[in-house]
Structure formats: structure tokens, C-alpha cells
């Protein structure tokens, strides 16, 4: 899928994973906040909300693992 067709939340998750991988936890924290804001604007479709919740949980789990290292 071309980059311009990806959802913003997908791009934020990718950037968050990169920040965690590089040990830039202050940047990762800011990206998590941005992800929460972006995902909180999703409405209507329950499948989309479930997917958004799973994405957010996975990002927080990665964040916690990265902080523990």
C-alpha cells in the first residue's frame, strides 16, 4: 500500500516503534499521546474501534517493554 494511502494511526504506530527501537522514549511518549488523540476521533464502526483499541494496546505494550530495557 502506498504510504499516502495509509491511515495516520498506522504512520504514528510505525514512528512509535522506531522511536522505541532507537531508545528515544520522550519522542515515543509524544507519539503515544498523538495516537490516543487520533484513535479517539474514530467513530461509528465497531470493527474499526476494536482494531483501534488493539493497536493502542499493542503500542502501549511495546512502550512499556522499551522502558524496561
PDB file of N, CA and C in Angstrom:
ATOM      1  N   UNK A   1       0.851  -1.174   0.000  1.00  0.00           N
ATOM      2  CA  UNK A   1       0.000   0.000   0.000  1.00  0.00           C
ATOM      3  C   UNK A   1       0.900   1.242   0.000  1.00  0.00           C
ATOM      4  N   UNK A   2       0.675   2.136  -0.907  1.00  0.00           N
ATOM      5  CA  UNK A   2       1.481   3.365  -0.923  1.00  0.00           C
ATOM      6  C   UNK A   2       1.343   4.127   0.389  1.00  0.00           C
ATOM      7  N   UNK A   3       2.428   4.776   0.777  1.00  0.00           N
ATOM      8  CA  UNK A   3       2.464   5.474   2.063  1.00  0.00           C
ATOM      9  C   UNK A   3       1.343   6.489   2.208  1.00  0.00           C
ATOM     10  N   UNK A   4       0.999   7.207   1.137  1.00  0.00           N
ATOM     11  CA  UNK A   4      -0.027   8.241   1.246  1.00  0.00           C
ATOM     12  C   UNK A   4      -1.420   7.656   1.480  1.00  0.00           C
ATOM     13  N   UNK A   5      -1.600   6.346   1.230  1.00  0.00           N
ATOM     14  CA  UNK A   5      -2.895   5.716   1.444  1.00  0.00           C
ATOM     15  C   UNK A   5      -3.053   5.142   2.851  1.00  0.00           C
ATOM     16  N   UNK A   6      -1.982   5.111   3.625  1.00  0.00           N
ATOM     17  CA  UNK A   6      -2.056   4.561   4.978  1.00  0.00           C
ATOM     18  C   UNK A   6      -2.739   5.549   5.901  1.00  0.00           C
ATOM     19  N   UNK A   7      -3.426   5.014   6.903  1.00  0.00           N
ATOM     20  CA  UNK A   7      -4.065   5.868   7.895  1.00  0.00           C
ATOM     21  C   UNK A   7      -2.998   6.537   8.758  1.00  0.00           C
ATOM     22  N   UNK A   8      -3.352   7.687   9.286  1.00  0.00           N
ATOM     23  CA  UNK A   8      -2.437   8.415  10.157  1.00  0.00           C
ATOM     24  C   UNK A   8      -2.036   7.545  11.349  1.00  0.00           C
ATOM     25  N   UNK A   9      -2.994   6.824  11.922  1.00  0.00           N
ATOM     26  CA  UNK A   9      -2.680   5.983  13.083  1.00  0.00           C
ATOM     27  C   UNK A   9      -1.625   4.935  12.733  1.00  0.00           C
ATOM     28  N   UNK A  10      -1.652   4.393  11.520  1.00  0.00           N
ATOM     29  CA  UNK A  10      -0.635   3.423  11.101  1.00  0.00           C
ATOM     30  C   UNK A  10       0.743   4.073  11.060  1.00  0.00           C
ATOM     31  N   UNK A  11       0.795   5.285  10.556  1.00  0.00           N
ATOM     32  CA  UNK A  11       2.073   6.000  10.475  1.00  0.00           C
ATOM     33  C   UNK A  11       2.604   6.341  11.864  1.00  0.00           C
ATOM     34  N   UNK A  12       1.705   6.721  12.768  1.00  0.00           N
ATOM     35  CA  UNK A  12       2.120   7.044  14.140  1.00  0.00           C
ATOM     36  C   UNK A  12       2.653   5.794  14.820  1.00  0.00           C
ATOM     37  N   UNK A  13       1.983   4.655  14.632  1.00  0.00           N
ATOM     38  CA  UNK A  13       2.431   3.392  15.236  1.00  0.00           C
ATOM     39  C   UNK A  13       3.811   3.020  14.718  1.00  0.00           C
ATOM     40  N   UNK A  14       4.028   3.179  13.425  1.00  0.00           N
ATOM     41  CA  UNK A  14       5.336   2.882  12.842  1.00  0.00           C
ATOM     42  C   UNK A  14       6.404   3.803  13.421  1.00  0.00           C
ATOM     43  N   UNK A  15       6.087   5.090  13.527  1.00  0.00           N
ATOM     44  CA  UNK A  15       7.045   6.046  14.092  1.00  0.00           C
ATOM     45  C   UNK A  15       7.305   5.745  15.567  1.00  0.00           C
ATOM     46  N   UNK A  16       6.270   5.341  16.298  1.00  0.00           N
ATOM     47  CA  UNK A  16       6.432   4.998  17.714  1.00  0.00           C
ATOM     48  C   UNK A  16       7.370   3.806  17.866  1.00  0.00           C
ATOM     49  N   UNK A  17       7.172   2.782  17.043  1.00  0.00           N
ATOM     50  CA  UNK A  17       8.036   1.602  17.108  1.00  0.00           C
ATOM     51  C   UNK A  17       9.478   1.982  16.797  1.00  0.00           C
ATOM     52  N   UNK A  18       9.682   2.862  15.829  1.00  0.00           N
ATOM     53  CA  UNK A  18      11.029   3.310  15.501  1.00  0.00           C
ATOM     54  C   UNK A  18      11.642   4.077  16.673  1.00  0.00           C
ATOM     55  N   UNK A  19      10.869   4.966  17.273  1.00  0.00           N
ATOM     56  CA  UNK A  19      11.377   5.739  18.415  1.00  0.00           C
ATOM     57  C   UNK A  19      11.754   4.805  19.564  1.00  0.00           C
ATOM     58  N   UNK A  20      10.918   3.809  19.829  1.00  0.00           N
ATOM     59  CA  UNK A  20      11.247   2.839  20.892  1.00  0.00           C
ATOM     60  C   UNK A  20      12.527   2.090  20.545  1.00  0.00           C
ATOM     61  N   UNK A  21      12.627   1.671  19.298  1.00  0.00           N
ATOM     62  CA  UNK A  21      13.808   0.930  18.858  1.00  0.00           C
ATOM     63  C   UNK A  21      15.094   1.735  18.965  1.00  0.00           C
ATOM     64  N   UNK A  22      14.974   3.028  18.804  1.00  0.00           N
ATOM     65  CA  UNK A  22      16.134   3.910  18.892  1.00  0.00           C
ATOM     66  C   UNK A  22      16.353   4.449  20.300  1.00  0.00           C
ATOM     67  N   UNK A  23      15.499   4.044  21.246  1.00  0.00           N
ATOM     68  CA  UNK A  23      15.651   4.500  22.618  1.00  0.00           C
ATOM     69  C   UNK A  23      15.244   5.940  22.853  1.00  0.00           C
ATOM     70  N   UNK A  24      14.476   6.496  21.955  1.00  0.00           N
ATOM     71  CA  UNK A  24      14.022   7.890  22.081  1.00  0.00           C
ATOM     72  C   UNK A  24      12.649   7.891  22.754  1.00  0.00           C
ATOM     73  N   UNK A  25      12.654   7.627  24.046  1.00  0.00           N
ATOM     74  CA  UNK A  25      11.409   7.405  24.764  1.00  0.00           C
ATOM     75  C   UNK A  25      10.594   8.681  24.943  1.00  0.00           C
ATOM     76  N   UNK A  26      11.235   9.843  24.939  1.00  0.00           N
ATOM     77  CA  UNK A  26      10.474  11.087  25.012  1.00  0.00           C
ATOM     78  C   UNK A  26       9.660  11.280  23.730  1.00  0.00           C
ATOM     79  N   UNK A  27      10.260  10.941  22.601  1.00  0.00           N
ATOM     80  CA  UNK A  27       9.547  11.018  21.323  1.00  0.00           C
ATOM     81  C   UNK A  27       8.450   9.960  21.286  1.00  0.00           C
ATOM     82  N   UNK A  28       8.760   8.751  21.756  1.00  0.00           N
ATOM     83  CA  UNK A  28       7.779   7.667  21.776  1.00  0.00           C
ATOM     84  C   UNK A  28       6.570   8.051  22.626  1.00  0.00           C
ATOM     85  N   UNK A  29       6.816   8.701  23.741  1.00  0.00           N
ATOM     86  CA  UNK A  29       5.730   9.145  24.627  1.00  0.00           C
ATOM     87  C   UNK A  29       4.822  10.150  23.908  1.00  0.00           C
ATOM     88  N   UNK A  30       5.429  11.095  23.213  1.00  0.00           N
ATOM     89  CA  UNK A  30       4.644  12.091  22.476  1.00  0.00           C
ATOM     90  C   UNK A  30       3.833  11.425  21.367  1.00  0.00           C
ATOM     91  N   UNK A  31       4.420  10.446  20.715  1.00  0.00           N
ATOM     92  CA  UNK A  31       3.702   9.738  19.658  1.00  0.00           C
ATOM     93  C   UNK A  31       2.536   8.930  20.215  1.00  0.00           C
ATOM     94  N   UNK A  32       2.698   8.341  21.396  1.00  0.00           N
ATOM     95  CA  UNK A  32       1.578   7.626  22.025  1.00  0.00           C
ATOM     96  C   UNK A  32       0.422   8.572  22.303  1.00  0.00           C
ATOM     97  N   UNK A  33       0.743   9.762  22.766  1.00  0.00           N
ATOM     98  CA  UNK A  33      -0.312  10.751  23.015  1.00  0.00           C
ATOM     99  C   UNK A  33      -1.008  11.128  21.718  1.00  0.00           C
ATOM    100  N   UNK A  34      -0.220  11.309  20.655  1.00  0.00           N
ATOM    101  CA  UNK A  34      -0.805  11.628  19.350  1.00  0.00           C
ATOM    102  C   UNK A  34      -1.679  10.478  18.860  1.00  0.00           C
ATOM    103  N   UNK A  35      -1.247   9.251  19.093  1.00  0.00           N
ATOM    104  CA  UNK A  35      -2.032   8.085  18.685  1.00  0.00           C
ATOM    105  C   UNK A  35      -3.357   8.034  19.439  1.00  0.00           C
ATOM    106  N   UNK A  36      -3.325   8.312  20.730  1.00  0.00           N
ATOM    107  CA  UNK A  36      -4.564   8.337  21.511  1.00  0.00           C
ATOM    108  C   UNK A  36      -5.540   9.374  20.957  1.00  0.00           C
ATOM    109  N   UNK A  37      -5.030  10.544  20.631  1.00  0.00           N
ATOM    110  CA  UNK A  37      -5.886  11.602  20.084  1.00  0.00           C
ATOM    111  C   UNK A  37      -6.472  11.166  18.752  1.00  0.00           C
ATOM    112  N   UNK A  38      -5.624  10.639  17.879  1.00  0.00           N
ATOM    113  CA  UNK A  38      -6.096  10.227  16.560  1.00  0.00           C
ATOM    114  C   UNK A  38      -7.137   9.116  16.672  1.00  0.00           C
ATOM    115  N   UNK A  39      -6.879   8.111  17.496  1.00  0.00           N
ATOM    116  CA  UNK A  39      -7.804   6.991  17.600  1.00  0.00           C
ATOM    117  C   UNK A  39      -9.089   7.378  18.319  1.00  0.00           C
ATOM    118  N   UNK A  40      -9.045   8.401  19.154  1.00  0.00           N
ATOM    119  CA  UNK A  40     -10.263   8.819  19.860  1.00  0.00           C
ATOM    120  C   UNK A  40     -11.230   9.526  18.921  1.00  0.00           C
ATOM    121  N   UNK A  41     -10.761   9.931  17.749  1.00  0.00           N
ATOM    122  CA  UNK A  41     -11.643  10.600  16.794  1.00  0.00           C
ATOM    123  C   UNK A  41     -12.372   9.623  15.889  1.00  0.00           C
ATOM    124  N   UNK A  42     -12.026   8.329  15.987  1.00  0.00           N
ATOM    125  CA  UNK A  42     -12.686   7.316  15.161  1.00  0.00           C
ATOM    126  C   UNK A  42     -14.050   7.024  15.769  1.00  0.00           C
ATOM    127  N   UNK A  43     -15.075   7.048  14.964  1.00  0.00           N
ATOM    128  CA  UNK A  43     -16.418   6.779  15.479  1.00  0.00           C
ATOM    129  C   UNK A  43     -17.204   5.885  14.561  1.00  0.00           C
ATOM    130  N   UNK A  44     -18.303   5.384  15.081  1.00  0.00           N
ATOM    131  CA  UNK A  44     -19.240   4.640  14.259  1.00  0.00           C
ATOM    132  C   UNK A  44     -18.948   3.162  14.164  1.00  0.00           C
ATOM    133  N   UNK A  45     -18.053   2.760  13.332  1.00  0.00           N
ATOM    134  CA  UNK A  45     -17.814   1.368  13.006  1.00  0.00           C
ATOM    135  C   UNK A  45     -17.184   0.627  14.182  1.00  0.00           C
ATOM    136  N   UNK A  46     -17.886  -0.378  14.703  1.00  0.00           N
ATOM    137  CA  UNK A  46     -17.384  -1.111  15.869  1.00  0.00           C
ATOM    138  C   UNK A  46     -16.139  -1.910  15.543  1.00  0.00           C
ATOM    139  N   UNK A  47     -16.026  -2.439  14.320  1.00  0.00           N
ATOM    140  CA  UNK A  47     -14.826  -3.166  13.926  1.00  0.00           C
ATOM    141  C   UNK A  47     -13.623  -2.231  13.970  1.00  0.00           C
ATOM    142  N   UNK A  48     -13.785  -1.033  13.462  1.00  0.00           N
ATOM    143  CA  UNK A  48     -12.705  -0.046  13.471  1.00  0.00           C
ATOM    144  C   UNK A  48     -12.309   0.292  14.901  1.00  0.00           C
ATOM    145  N   UNK A  49     -13.288   0.439  15.793  1.00  0.00           N
ATOM    146  CA  UNK A  49     -12.986   0.757  17.190  1.00  0.00           C
ATOM    147  C   UNK A  49     -12.232  -0.379  17.859  1.00  0.00           C
ATOM    148  N   UNK A  50     -12.624  -1.634  17.571  1.00  0.00           N
ATOM    149  CA  UNK A  50     -11.924  -2.778  18.162  1.00  0.00           C
ATOM    150  C   UNK A  50     -10.486  -2.816  17.657  1.00  0.00           C
ATOM    151  N   UNK A  51     -10.304  -2.602  16.352  1.00  0.00           N
ATOM    152  CA  UNK A  51      -8.963  -2.591  15.776  1.00  0.00           C
ATOM    153  C   UNK A  51      -8.148  -1.459  16.383  1.00  0.00           C
ATOM    154  N   UNK A  52      -8.744  -0.304  16.558  1.00  0.00           N
ATOM    155  CA  UNK A  52      -8.050   0.836  17.148  1.00  0.00           C
ATOM    156  C   UNK A  52      -7.613   0.524  18.567  1.00  0.00           C
ATOM    157  N   UNK A  53      -8.486  -0.123  19.334  1.00  0.00           N
ATOM    158  CA  UNK A  53      -8.148  -0.491  20.710  1.00  0.00           C
ATOM    159  C   UNK A  53      -6.987  -1.471  20.735  1.00  0.00           C
ATOM    160  N   UNK A  54      -7.008  -2.455  19.844  1.00  0.00           N
ATOM    161  CA  UNK A  54      -5.918  -3.430  19.782  1.00  0.00           C
ATOM    162  C   UNK A  54      -4.606  -2.757  19.404  1.00  0.00           C
ATOM    163  N   UNK A  55      -4.650  -1.814  18.455  1.00  0.00           N
ATOM    164  CA  UNK A  55      -3.445  -1.098  18.046  1.00  0.00           C
ATOM    165  C   UNK A  55      -2.885  -0.276  19.195  1.00  0.00           C
ATOM    166  N   UNK A  56      -3.753   0.401  19.908  1.00  0.00           N
ATOM    167  CA  UNK A  56      -3.326   1.233  21.026  1.00  0.00           C
ATOM    168  C   UNK A  56      -2.720   0.372  22.131  1.00  0.00           C
ATOM    169  N   UNK A  57      -3.357  -0.742  22.441  1.00  0.00           N
ATOM    170  CA  UNK A  57      -2.823  -1.644  23.466  1.00  0.00           C
ATOM    171  C   UNK A  57      -1.452  -2.180  23.069  1.00  0.00           C
ATOM    172  N   UNK A  58      -1.293  -2.557  21.803  1.00  0.00           N
ATOM    173  CA  UNK A  58      -0.003  -3.065  21.332  1.00  0.00           C
ATOM    174  C   UNK A  58       1.078  -1.992  21.427  1.00  0.00           C
ATOM    175  N   UNK A  59       0.726  -0.767  21.094  1.00  0.00           N
ATOM    176  CA  UNK A  59       1.697   0.328  21.180  1.00  0.00           C
ATOM    177  C   UNK A  59       2.114   0.569  22.626  1.00  0.00           C
ATOM    178  N   UNK A  60       1.149   0.538  23.552  1.00  0.00           N
ATOM    179  CA  UNK A  60       1.481   0.735  24.965  1.00  0.00           C
ATOM    180  C   UNK A  60       2.337  -0.415  25.492  1.00  0.00           C
ATOM    181  N   UNK A  61       2.056  -1.641  25.050  1.00  0.00           N
ATOM    182  CA  UNK A  61       2.872  -2.783  25.477  1.00  0.00           C
ATOM    183  C   UNK A  61       4.314  -2.638  24.991  1.00  0.00           C
ATOM    184  N   UNK A  62       4.479  -2.232  23.733  1.00  0.00           N
ATOM    185  CA  UNK A  62       5.824  -2.001  23.197  1.00  0.00           C
ATOM    186  C   UNK A  62       6.519  -0.903  23.995  1.00  0.00           C
ATOM    187  N   UNK A  63       5.778   0.150  24.311  1.00  0.00           N
ATOM    188  CA  UNK A  63       6.335   1.270  25.062  1.00  0.00           C
ATOM    189  C   UNK A  63       6.840   0.799  26.424  1.00  0.00           C
ATOM    190  N   UNK A  64       6.036   0.021  27.117  1.00  0.00           N
ATOM    191  CA  UNK A  64       6.423  -0.465  28.442  1.00  0.00           C
ATOM    192  C   UNK A  64       7.647  -1.389  28.354  1.00  0.00           C
ATOM    193  N   UNK A  65       7.686  -2.259  27.353  1.00  0.00           N
ATOM    194  CA  UNK A  65       8.844  -3.141  27.182  1.00  0.00           C
ATOM    195  C   UNK A  65      10.106  -2.335  26.904  1.00  0.00           C
ATOM    196  N   UNK A  66       9.960  -1.279  26.101  1.00  0.00           N
ATOM    197  CA  UNK A  66      11.106  -0.435  25.765  1.00  0.00           C
ATOM    198  C   UNK A  66      11.609   0.338  26.980  1.00  0.00           C
ATOM    199  N   UNK A  67      10.687   0.783  27.833  1.00  0.00           N
ATOM    200  CA  UNK A  67      11.090   1.493  29.052  1.00  0.00           C
ATOM    201  C   UNK A  67      11.835   0.569  29.998  1.00  0.00           C
ATOM    202  N   UNK A  68      11.456  -0.705  30.006  1.00  0.00           N
ATOM    203  CA  UNK A  68      12.058  -1.669  30.925  1.00  0.00           C
ATOM    204  C   UNK A  68      13.468  -2.075  30.520  1.00  0.00           C
ATOM    205  N   UNK A  69      13.843  -1.814  29.297  1.00  0.00           N
ATOM    206  CA  UNK A  69      15.167  -2.234  28.814  1.00  0.00           C
ATOM    207  C   UNK A  69      16.257  -1.342  29.305  1.00  0.00           C
TER     208      UNK A  69
END
